[in-house]
Each structure stands twice: as structure tokens, then as C-alpha cells.
Amino acid sequence: AKWLSYKNVFLKKIMFPLIGHSCDLADLDQIQKNVDREVLHILGLNEHFPRAVLYAPMKLGGLGCGTIHGQHIIDKILLFVHHMREQGQIQEMLLASMSTTQIE
């Protein structure tokens, strides 16, 4: 129940306002440290558990808990792809911006 609450409520509350901001790894580092502590507690693991194993994909023997920064980048890409597929003013502005950038 705790893990579902973390994935479906807590992460969504953190990630939703971040979509409108450009955050780099350093900006999200303190938030990530606090989240890691809670995730390890939820999973019943020691606080000194290796973060590399915590973040590594399950295919490679990790636990598959992504970082907030990684999820932030994924959300940004998904939003971009969504706007590029939708017909409208936002798509036109993005295409114009991309064309201008390519010319430069």
C-alpha cells in the first residue's frame, strides 16, 4: 500500500509542477535525497543501500526506481511529443522555433 501511494500520489504531486520548469540535476538533488530516504524506508531497506542498485533497471539487477530528474526529462519529452502531434497554434510555434534554430 505504501509503494502504491508513493507511485500514484506522492510522485505525481512532485512531478506535476515541475513540468513548467527547467530543472537540472543540481536543482533536484536535495529533493531526491529526501525521496530516496523515504523510498528505502518503504521498501524496508537500510539507508546506506547503494543508490546505483536502487536506480538501475530491473533487467540489470536493480530495483528500477527512477530518479526525479530522469522522470522530469521523460515528462518534458512526452509533453513535447504531445504538442507536436496535436494540430494547433502550439504545434505551429514549435515548428517555427525549430526551423529558426536549424537555420542558425
N, C-alpha and C. Protein backbone atom coordinates (compact mmCIF):
# COMPACT_ATOMS: atom_id res chain seq x y z
N ALA A 1 0.82 -1.20 0.00
CA ALA A 1 0.00 0.00 0.00
C ALA A 1 0.87 1.26 0.00
N LYS A 2 1.98 1.22 0.75
CA LYS A 2 2.85 2.39 0.80
C LYS A 2 3.49 2.66 -0.56
N TRP A 3 3.91 1.57 -1.24
CA TRP A 3 4.56 1.74 -2.54
C TRP A 3 3.57 2.30 -3.56
N LEU A 4 2.35 1.82 -3.56
CA LEU A 4 1.33 2.34 -4.48
C LEU A 4 1.04 3.81 -4.19
N SER A 5 0.97 4.16 -2.93
CA SER A 5 0.74 5.54 -2.54
C SER A 5 1.88 6.42 -3.02
N TYR A 6 3.10 5.93 -2.88
CA TYR A 6 4.28 6.69 -3.33
C TYR A 6 4.22 6.92 -4.84
N LYS A 7 3.97 5.85 -5.61
CA LYS A 7 3.99 5.94 -7.08
C LYS A 7 2.80 6.75 -7.62
N ASN A 8 1.61 6.54 -7.06
CA ASN A 8 0.41 7.12 -7.64
C ASN A 8 0.00 8.47 -7.07
N VAL A 9 0.49 8.81 -5.88
CA VAL A 9 0.09 10.07 -5.27
C VAL A 9 1.29 10.99 -5.09
N PHE A 10 2.27 10.54 -4.33
CA PHE A 10 3.40 11.38 -3.97
C PHE A 10 4.20 11.84 -5.19
N LEU A 11 4.59 10.89 -6.06
CA LEU A 11 5.37 11.27 -7.24
C LEU A 11 4.61 12.20 -8.17
N LYS A 12 3.33 11.95 -8.33
CA LYS A 12 2.54 12.81 -9.21
C LYS A 12 2.45 14.23 -8.65
N LYS A 13 2.34 14.36 -7.33
CA LYS A 13 2.30 15.69 -6.71
C LYS A 13 3.62 16.43 -6.88
N ILE A 14 4.72 15.71 -6.85
CA ILE A 14 6.02 16.34 -7.04
C ILE A 14 6.25 16.69 -8.50
N MET A 15 5.91 15.77 -9.39
CA MET A 15 6.25 15.93 -10.81
C MET A 15 5.36 16.94 -11.53
N PHE A 16 4.11 17.08 -11.13
CA PHE A 16 3.19 17.94 -11.87
C PHE A 16 3.67 19.39 -11.98
N PRO A 17 4.09 20.05 -10.89
CA PRO A 17 4.53 21.44 -11.05
C PRO A 17 5.88 21.58 -11.75
N LEU A 18 6.67 20.51 -11.79
CA LEU A 18 8.00 20.59 -12.41
C LEU A 18 7.94 20.68 -13.93
N ILE A 19 6.83 20.27 -14.53
CA ILE A 19 6.74 20.23 -15.99
C ILE A 19 6.90 21.63 -16.60
N GLY A 20 6.55 22.66 -15.87
CA GLY A 20 6.68 24.02 -16.38
C GLY A 20 8.01 24.67 -16.10
N HIS A 21 8.94 23.92 -15.50
CA HIS A 21 10.23 24.50 -15.12
C HIS A 21 11.36 23.73 -15.79
N SER A 22 12.48 24.41 -15.95
CA SER A 22 13.70 23.74 -16.43
C SER A 22 14.60 23.50 -15.24
N CYS A 23 14.63 22.28 -14.77
CA CYS A 23 15.42 21.92 -13.60
C CYS A 23 16.54 21.00 -14.03
N ASP A 24 17.75 21.28 -13.55
CA ASP A 24 18.85 20.36 -13.82
C ASP A 24 19.06 19.47 -12.61
N LEU A 25 20.05 18.61 -12.72
CA LEU A 25 20.30 17.62 -11.68
C LEU A 25 20.58 18.26 -10.33
N ALA A 26 21.33 19.35 -10.33
CA ALA A 26 21.67 20.02 -9.06
C ALA A 26 20.43 20.61 -8.39
N ASP A 27 19.49 21.11 -9.19
CA ASP A 27 18.27 21.70 -8.63
C ASP A 27 17.42 20.66 -7.89
N LEU A 28 17.43 19.44 -8.40
CA LEU A 28 16.57 18.40 -7.82
C LEU A 28 17.30 17.49 -6.85
N ASP A 29 18.57 17.76 -6.59
CA ASP A 29 19.38 16.88 -5.76
C ASP A 29 18.85 16.75 -4.33
N GLN A 30 18.52 17.87 -3.69
CA GLN A 30 18.03 17.82 -2.31
C GLN A 30 16.69 17.11 -2.22
N ILE A 31 15.82 17.35 -3.17
CA ILE A 31 14.53 16.65 -3.19
C ILE A 31 14.77 15.15 -3.35
N GLN A 32 15.70 14.78 -4.25
CA GLN A 32 15.99 13.37 -4.50
C GLN A 32 16.51 12.69 -3.24
N LYS A 33 17.36 13.36 -2.48
CA LYS A 33 17.89 12.76 -1.24
C LYS A 33 16.78 12.45 -0.25
N ASN A 34 15.84 13.38 -0.10
CA ASN A 34 14.71 13.15 0.81
C ASN A 34 13.81 12.02 0.31
N VAL A 35 13.57 12.00 -1.00
CA VAL A 35 12.73 10.96 -1.58
C VAL A 35 13.40 9.60 -1.44
N ASP A 36 14.71 9.54 -1.68
CA ASP A 36 15.43 8.27 -1.55
C ASP A 36 15.28 7.69 -0.15
N ARG A 37 15.41 8.53 0.85
CA ARG A 37 15.30 8.07 2.24
C ARG A 37 13.92 7.43 2.47
N GLU A 38 12.88 8.07 1.96
CA GLU A 38 11.53 7.54 2.14
C GLU A 38 11.31 6.27 1.34
N VAL A 39 11.83 6.22 0.12
CA VAL A 39 11.67 5.01 -0.71
C VAL A 39 12.36 3.82 -0.05
N LEU A 40 13.55 4.04 0.46
CA LEU A 40 14.27 2.95 1.13
C LEU A 40 13.50 2.48 2.35
N HIS A 41 12.90 3.41 3.08
CA HIS A 41 12.09 3.04 4.26
C HIS A 41 10.87 2.23 3.82
N ILE A 42 10.21 2.68 2.76
CA ILE A 42 9.03 1.97 2.26
C ILE A 42 9.39 0.55 1.85
N LEU A 43 10.55 0.39 1.21
CA LEU A 43 10.99 -0.93 0.74
C LEU A 43 11.62 -1.77 1.85
N GLY A 44 11.80 -1.18 3.03
CA GLY A 44 12.38 -1.92 4.14
C GLY A 44 13.88 -2.13 4.00
N LEU A 45 14.56 -1.20 3.33
CA LEU A 45 16.00 -1.30 3.11
C LEU A 45 16.75 -0.31 3.98
N ASN A 46 18.02 -0.60 4.22
CA ASN A 46 18.89 0.25 5.00
C ASN A 46 19.15 1.56 4.26
N GLU A 47 19.33 2.65 5.00
CA GLU A 47 19.56 3.95 4.37
C GLU A 47 20.89 4.02 3.62
N HIS A 48 21.78 3.06 3.87
CA HIS A 48 23.07 3.01 3.19
C HIS A 48 23.04 2.10 1.96
N PHE A 49 21.86 1.67 1.58
CA PHE A 49 21.70 0.82 0.39
C PHE A 49 22.25 1.57 -0.82
N PRO A 50 23.01 0.90 -1.70
CA PRO A 50 23.62 1.59 -2.84
C PRO A 50 22.59 2.21 -3.78
N ARG A 51 22.77 3.49 -4.06
CA ARG A 51 21.83 4.19 -4.94
C ARG A 51 21.90 3.67 -6.37
N ALA A 52 23.07 3.18 -6.78
CA ALA A 52 23.21 2.63 -8.13
C ALA A 52 22.27 1.44 -8.32
N VAL A 53 22.13 0.62 -7.30
CA VAL A 53 21.23 -0.54 -7.38
C VAL A 53 19.78 -0.07 -7.29
N LEU A 54 19.52 0.95 -6.52
CA LEU A 54 18.17 1.49 -6.39
C LEU A 54 17.66 2.03 -7.73
N TYR A 55 18.54 2.74 -8.45
CA TYR A 55 18.13 3.37 -9.71
C TYR A 55 18.27 2.48 -10.93
N ALA A 56 19.08 1.44 -10.86
CA ALA A 56 19.35 0.59 -12.03
C ALA A 56 18.08 -0.11 -12.49
N PRO A 57 17.97 -0.33 -13.80
CA PRO A 57 16.79 -1.04 -14.33
C PRO A 57 16.73 -2.47 -13.80
N MET A 58 15.53 -3.00 -13.74
CA MET A 58 15.33 -4.35 -13.24
C MET A 58 16.01 -5.38 -14.14
N LYS A 59 16.11 -5.09 -15.43
CA LYS A 59 16.78 -6.01 -16.36
C LYS A 59 18.24 -6.20 -16.00
N LEU A 60 18.83 -5.20 -15.35
CA LEU A 60 20.24 -5.27 -14.99
C LEU A 60 20.45 -5.60 -13.51
N GLY A 61 19.40 -6.04 -12.84
CA GLY A 61 19.51 -6.45 -11.45
C GLY A 61 19.23 -5.36 -10.44
N GLY A 62 18.77 -4.21 -10.90
CA GLY A 62 18.43 -3.12 -9.99
C GLY A 62 16.98 -3.19 -9.55
N LEU A 63 16.57 -2.17 -8.81
CA LEU A 63 15.18 -2.11 -8.33
C LEU A 63 14.28 -1.30 -9.24
N GLY A 64 14.85 -0.56 -10.18
CA GLY A 64 14.06 0.16 -11.16
C GLY A 64 13.37 1.41 -10.65
N CYS A 65 13.85 1.98 -9.55
CA CYS A 65 13.29 3.23 -9.04
C CYS A 65 13.98 4.38 -9.77
N GLY A 66 13.29 5.04 -10.63
CA GLY A 66 13.90 6.13 -11.37
C GLY A 66 14.13 7.36 -10.52
N THR A 67 15.01 8.22 -10.99
CA THR A 67 15.27 9.47 -10.29
C THR A 67 14.23 10.51 -10.67
N ILE A 68 14.09 11.52 -9.85
CA ILE A 68 13.16 12.60 -10.14
C ILE A 68 13.62 13.35 -11.39
N HIS A 69 14.93 13.55 -11.52
CA HIS A 69 15.46 14.24 -12.69
C HIS A 69 15.17 13.45 -13.96
N GLY A 70 15.35 12.14 -13.92
CA GLY A 70 15.05 11.30 -15.08
C GLY A 70 13.58 11.36 -15.45
N GLN A 71 12.71 11.30 -14.45
CA GLN A 71 11.27 11.38 -14.70
C GLN A 71 10.89 12.76 -15.23
N HIS A 72 11.57 13.80 -14.75
CA HIS A 72 11.33 15.16 -15.21
C HIS A 72 11.65 15.28 -16.71
N ILE A 73 12.75 14.69 -17.14
CA ILE A 73 13.13 14.72 -18.55
C ILE A 73 12.12 13.94 -19.38
N ILE A 74 11.71 12.77 -18.90
CA ILE A 74 10.71 11.96 -19.61
C ILE A 74 9.41 12.74 -19.78
N ASP A 75 8.95 13.39 -18.71
CA ASP A 75 7.71 14.17 -18.78
C ASP A 75 7.83 15.31 -19.79
N LYS A 76 8.98 15.96 -19.85
CA LYS A 76 9.20 17.05 -20.81
C LYS A 76 9.12 16.53 -22.24
N ILE A 77 9.76 15.40 -22.50
CA ILE A 77 9.74 14.82 -23.85
C ILE A 77 8.33 14.41 -24.24
N LEU A 78 7.61 13.79 -23.32
CA LEU A 78 6.23 13.39 -23.60
C LEU A 78 5.35 14.59 -23.91
N LEU A 79 5.54 15.68 -23.18
CA LEU A 79 4.76 16.89 -23.44
C LEU A 79 5.10 17.47 -24.81
N PHE A 80 6.37 17.47 -25.16
CA PHE A 80 6.80 17.96 -26.46
C PHE A 80 6.18 17.14 -27.59
N VAL A 81 6.27 15.81 -27.46
CA VAL A 81 5.70 14.92 -28.49
C VAL A 81 4.18 15.13 -28.57
N HIS A 82 3.53 15.28 -27.44
CA HIS A 82 2.09 15.53 -27.44
C HIS A 82 1.75 16.79 -28.23
N HIS A 83 2.48 17.87 -27.99
CA HIS A 83 2.20 19.13 -28.68
C HIS A 83 2.55 19.05 -30.16
N MET A 84 3.54 18.25 -30.51
CA MET A 84 3.89 18.12 -31.92
C MET A 84 2.84 17.31 -32.68
N ARG A 85 2.15 16.42 -32.02
CA ARG A 85 1.12 15.61 -32.67
C ARG A 85 -0.22 16.33 -32.77
N GLU A 86 -0.47 17.25 -31.86
CA GLU A 86 -1.74 17.98 -31.87
C GLU A 86 -1.68 19.12 -32.88
N GLN A 87 -2.70 19.23 -33.68
CA GLN A 87 -2.79 20.32 -34.64
C GLN A 87 -3.22 21.58 -33.89
N GLY A 88 -2.48 22.66 -34.06
CA GLY A 88 -2.88 23.89 -33.40
C GLY A 88 -1.75 24.90 -33.34
N GLN A 89 -2.01 25.95 -32.59
CA GLN A 89 -1.08 27.06 -32.50
C GLN A 89 0.23 26.67 -31.83
N ILE A 90 0.17 25.85 -30.81
CA ILE A 90 1.40 25.44 -30.12
C ILE A 90 2.29 24.66 -31.07
N GLN A 91 1.71 23.76 -31.85
CA GLN A 91 2.49 23.00 -32.82
C GLN A 91 3.15 23.93 -33.84
N GLU A 92 2.40 24.90 -34.33
CA GLU A 92 2.95 25.85 -35.30
C GLU A 92 4.10 26.65 -34.70
N MET A 93 3.97 27.08 -33.44
CA MET A 93 5.04 27.84 -32.80
C MET A 93 6.29 26.97 -32.59
N LEU A 94 6.09 25.73 -32.21
CA LEU A 94 7.23 24.83 -32.03
C LEU A 94 7.94 24.57 -33.36
N LEU A 95 7.18 24.35 -34.41
CA LEU A 95 7.78 24.12 -35.73
C LEU A 95 8.54 25.36 -36.21
N ALA A 96 7.97 26.53 -35.99
CA ALA A 96 8.66 27.77 -36.38
C ALA A 96 9.94 27.95 -35.59
N SER A 97 9.89 27.68 -34.30
CA SER A 97 11.08 27.79 -33.47
C SER A 97 12.15 26.81 -33.89
N MET A 98 11.74 25.58 -34.19
CA MET A 98 12.71 24.57 -34.63
C MET A 98 13.31 24.94 -35.98
N SER A 99 12.51 25.49 -36.89
CA SER A 99 13.02 25.91 -38.19
C SER A 99 14.03 27.04 -38.04
N THR A 100 13.72 27.99 -37.18
CA THR A 100 14.64 29.12 -36.94
C THR A 100 15.95 28.61 -36.33
N THR A 101 15.85 27.69 -35.42
CA THR A 101 17.05 27.14 -34.79
C THR A 101 17.91 26.38 -35.79
N GLN A 102 17.29 25.66 -36.70
CA GLN A 102 18.04 24.91 -37.71
C GLN A 102 18.75 25.83 -38.70
N ILE A 103 18.14 26.97 -39.00
CA ILE A 103 18.74 27.93 -39.93
C ILE A 103 19.99 28.54 -39.30
N GLU A 104 19.94 28.82 -38.02
CA GLU A 104 21.07 29.42 -37.33
C GLU A 104 22.17 28.43 -37.27
